[in-house]
């Protein structure tokens, strides 16, 4: 995974805000809150009830590398997802997005 830039990633995340919030305490929207996504079991954000079956049945933990790969083509891993994004095809932009989410997912923020 290439090294990403947090500030560019914040801008890449802008359209994601339609459905996701990365800040602690912001709650869920149409998608789950992404605060502290890394280290969390896929499909397990407390209080979010709208996961697809494949997300609910997934038994792995989000890592930056996994999210980076998934965001390339989200429907390839979870074809029944209700997420309306086709992903982030550009590798640099995707790395920037992951870098941003790593920063906002740091414990204590």
C-alpha atoms as a PDB file:
ATOM      1  CA  UNK A   1       0.000   0.000   0.000  1.00  0.00           C
ATOM      2  CA  UNK A   2       1.459   3.395  -0.913  1.00  0.00           C
ATOM      3  CA  UNK A   3       1.938   6.011   1.788  1.00  0.00           C
ATOM      4  CA  UNK A   4      -1.001   8.401   1.873  1.00  0.00           C
ATOM      5  CA  UNK A   5      -1.390  12.064   2.722  1.00  0.00           C
ATOM      6  CA  UNK A   6      -3.869  12.822   5.523  1.00  0.00           C
ATOM      7  CA  UNK A   7      -4.909  16.259   4.232  1.00  0.00           C
ATOM      8  CA  UNK A   8      -5.557  14.984   0.708  1.00  0.00           C
ATOM      9  CA  UNK A   9      -7.408  12.056   2.280  1.00  0.00           C
ATOM     10  CA  UNK A  10      -9.698  14.443   4.143  1.00  0.00           C
ATOM     11  CA  UNK A  11     -10.723  15.845   0.770  1.00  0.00           C
ATOM     12  CA  UNK A  12     -11.164  12.375  -0.736  1.00  0.00           C
ATOM     13  CA  UNK A  13     -13.418  11.525   2.227  1.00  0.00           C
ATOM     14  CA  UNK A  14     -15.758  14.484   1.562  1.00  0.00           C
ATOM     15  CA  UNK A  15     -18.265  12.530  -0.590  1.00  0.00           C
ATOM     16  CA  UNK A  16     -18.182   9.668   1.952  1.00  0.00           C
ATOM     17  CA  UNK A  17     -19.636  12.072   4.532  1.00  0.00           C
ATOM     18  CA  UNK A  18     -22.972  11.706   2.817  1.00  0.00           C
ATOM     19  CA  UNK A  19     -23.257   8.393   4.660  1.00  0.00           C
ATOM     20  CA  UNK A  20     -20.339   8.088   7.125  1.00  0.00           C
ATOM     21  CA  UNK A  21     -18.974  10.168   9.974  1.00  0.00           C
ATOM     22  CA  UNK A  22     -15.406   9.556  11.203  1.00  0.00           C
ATOM     23  CA  UNK A  23     -15.637  11.566  14.436  1.00  0.00           C
ATOM     24  CA  UNK A  24     -16.210   9.989  17.826  1.00  0.00           C
ATOM     25  CA  UNK A  25     -19.699  10.591  19.137  1.00  0.00           C
ATOM     26  CA  UNK A  26     -21.116  11.649  15.769  1.00  0.00           C
ATOM     27  CA  UNK A  27     -23.304   8.561  15.586  1.00  0.00           C
ATOM     28  CA  UNK A  28     -24.341   6.680  12.503  1.00  0.00           C
ATOM     29  CA  UNK A  29     -25.842   7.991   9.306  1.00  0.00           C
ATOM     30  CA  UNK A  30     -26.918   5.872   6.325  1.00  0.00           C
ATOM     31  CA  UNK A  31     -23.627   4.059   6.922  1.00  0.00           C
ATOM     32  CA  UNK A  32     -21.856   3.213  10.171  1.00  0.00           C
ATOM     33  CA  UNK A  33     -19.643   5.657  12.013  1.00  0.00           C
ATOM     34  CA  UNK A  34     -16.031   4.991  11.009  1.00  0.00           C
ATOM     35  CA  UNK A  35     -14.308   6.229  14.178  1.00  0.00           C
ATOM     36  CA  UNK A  36     -11.854   3.533  15.330  1.00  0.00           C
ATOM     37  CA  UNK A  37     -12.712   1.326  12.340  1.00  0.00           C
ATOM     38  CA  UNK A  38      -9.256  -0.300  12.437  1.00  0.00           C
ATOM     39  CA  UNK A  39      -9.162  -3.254  14.766  1.00  0.00           C
ATOM     40  CA  UNK A  40     -12.950  -3.606  14.608  1.00  0.00           C
ATOM     41  CA  UNK A  41     -14.597  -6.756  13.277  1.00  0.00           C
ATOM     42  CA  UNK A  42     -16.259  -6.050   9.931  1.00  0.00           C
ATOM     43  CA  UNK A  43     -19.994  -5.433  10.268  1.00  0.00           C
ATOM     44  CA  UNK A  44     -19.930  -4.859  14.027  1.00  0.00           C
ATOM     45  CA  UNK A  45     -20.326  -1.130  14.716  1.00  0.00           C
ATOM     46  CA  UNK A  46     -22.495  -1.003  17.813  1.00  0.00           C
ATOM     47  CA  UNK A  47     -25.923   0.435  17.107  1.00  0.00           C
ATOM     48  CA  UNK A  48     -25.722   0.204  13.313  1.00  0.00           C
ATOM     49  CA  UNK A  49     -28.457  -2.162  12.133  1.00  0.00           C
ATOM     50  CA  UNK A  50     -28.247  -1.947   8.336  1.00  0.00           C
ATOM     51  CA  UNK A  51     -25.337  -4.181   7.409  1.00  0.00           C
ATOM     52  CA  UNK A  52     -25.748  -6.536   4.455  1.00  0.00           C
ATOM     53  CA  UNK A  53     -25.681 -10.260   5.197  1.00  0.00           C
ATOM     54  CA  UNK A  54     -22.119 -10.605   3.916  1.00  0.00           C
ATOM     55  CA  UNK A  55     -20.917  -7.837   6.234  1.00  0.00           C
ATOM     56  CA  UNK A  56     -22.709  -9.435   9.193  1.00  0.00           C
ATOM     57  CA  UNK A  57     -21.166 -12.824   8.393  1.00  0.00           C
ATOM     58  CA  UNK A  58     -17.612 -11.556   7.813  1.00  0.00           C
ATOM     59  CA  UNK A  59     -15.215 -12.709  10.502  1.00  0.00           C
ATOM     60  CA  UNK A  60     -12.188 -10.513   9.931  1.00  0.00           C
ATOM     61  CA  UNK A  61     -10.881  -7.273  11.347  1.00  0.00           C
ATOM     62  CA  UNK A  62     -10.435  -4.040   9.407  1.00  0.00           C
ATOM     63  CA  UNK A  63      -6.809  -3.081   8.856  1.00  0.00           C
ATOM     64  CA  UNK A  64      -5.554  -0.157   6.760  1.00  0.00           C
ATOM     65  CA  UNK A  65      -4.312  -2.604   4.106  1.00  0.00           C
ATOM     66  CA  UNK A  66      -7.624  -4.470   3.963  1.00  0.00           C
ATOM     67  CA  UNK A  67      -9.611  -1.247   3.687  1.00  0.00           C
ATOM     68  CA  UNK A  68      -7.237  -0.017   0.973  1.00  0.00           C
ATOM     69  CA  UNK A  69      -7.793  -3.188  -1.047  1.00  0.00           C
ATOM     70  CA  UNK A  70     -11.545  -3.252  -0.436  1.00  0.00           C
ATOM     71  CA  UNK A  71     -12.019   0.357  -1.516  1.00  0.00           C
ATOM     72  CA  UNK A  72     -10.566  -0.444  -4.950  1.00  0.00           C
ATOM     73  CA  UNK A  73     -13.752  -2.372  -5.873  1.00  0.00           C
ATOM     74  CA  UNK A  74     -16.110  -2.728  -2.879  1.00  0.00           C
ATOM     75  CA  UNK A  75     -18.631  -4.885  -4.733  1.00  0.00           C
ATOM     76  CA  UNK A  76     -15.989  -7.537  -5.441  1.00  0.00           C
ATOM     77  CA  UNK A  77     -15.703  -8.453  -1.739  1.00  0.00           C
ATOM     78  CA  UNK A  78     -19.284  -7.753  -0.641  1.00  0.00           C
ATOM     79  CA  UNK A  79     -21.577  -7.960  -3.682  1.00  0.00           C
ATOM     80  CA  UNK A  80     -24.705  -7.493  -1.574  1.00  0.00           C
ATOM     81  CA  UNK A  81     -23.481  -4.307   0.100  1.00  0.00           C
ATOM     82  CA  UNK A  82     -25.922  -1.430   0.246  1.00  0.00           C
ATOM     83  CA  UNK A  83     -23.050   1.061   0.121  1.00  0.00           C
ATOM     84  CA  UNK A  84     -23.610   3.266  -2.911  1.00  0.00           C
ATOM     85  CA  UNK A  85     -19.938   3.849  -3.690  1.00  0.00           C
ATOM     86  CA  UNK A  86     -18.109   2.234  -6.556  1.00  0.00           C
ATOM     87  CA  UNK A  87     -14.895   2.714  -4.598  1.00  0.00           C
ATOM     88  CA  UNK A  88     -11.752   4.731  -5.213  1.00  0.00           C
ATOM     89  CA  UNK A  89      -9.962   3.377  -8.270  1.00  0.00           C
ATOM     90  CA  UNK A  90      -6.921   5.664  -8.078  1.00  0.00           C
ATOM     91  CA  UNK A  91      -4.305   4.054  -5.812  1.00  0.00           C
ATOM     92  CA  UNK A  92      -2.889   7.344  -4.497  1.00  0.00           C
ATOM     93  CA  UNK A  93      -6.301   8.779  -3.646  1.00  0.00           C
ATOM     94  CA  UNK A  94      -7.229   5.503  -1.963  1.00  0.00           C
ATOM     95  CA  UNK A  95      -4.020   5.568   0.107  1.00  0.00           C
ATOM     96  CA  UNK A  96      -4.763   9.192   1.031  1.00  0.00           C
ATOM     97  CA  UNK A  97      -8.257   8.213   2.181  1.00  0.00           C
ATOM     98  CA  UNK A  98      -6.926   5.382   4.320  1.00  0.00           C
ATOM     99  CA  UNK A  99      -4.273   7.693   5.840  1.00  0.00           C
ATOM    100  CA  UNK A 100      -7.031  10.119   6.804  1.00  0.00           C
ATOM    101  CA  UNK A 101      -9.131   7.369   8.373  1.00  0.00           C
ATOM    102  CA  UNK A 102      -6.092   6.081  10.288  1.00  0.00           C
ATOM    103  CA  UNK A 103      -5.585   9.562  11.734  1.00  0.00           C
ATOM    104  CA  UNK A 104      -9.214  10.076  12.758  1.00  0.00           C
ATOM    105  CA  UNK A 105      -9.384   6.546  14.150  1.00  0.00           C
ATOM    106  CA  UNK A 106      -6.593   7.080  16.675  1.00  0.00           C
ATOM    107  CA  UNK A 107      -7.684   6.243  20.213  1.00  0.00           C
ATOM    108  CA  UNK A 108      -8.472   9.296  22.274  1.00  0.00           C
ATOM    109  CA  UNK A 109      -9.561  11.528  19.418  1.00  0.00           C
END
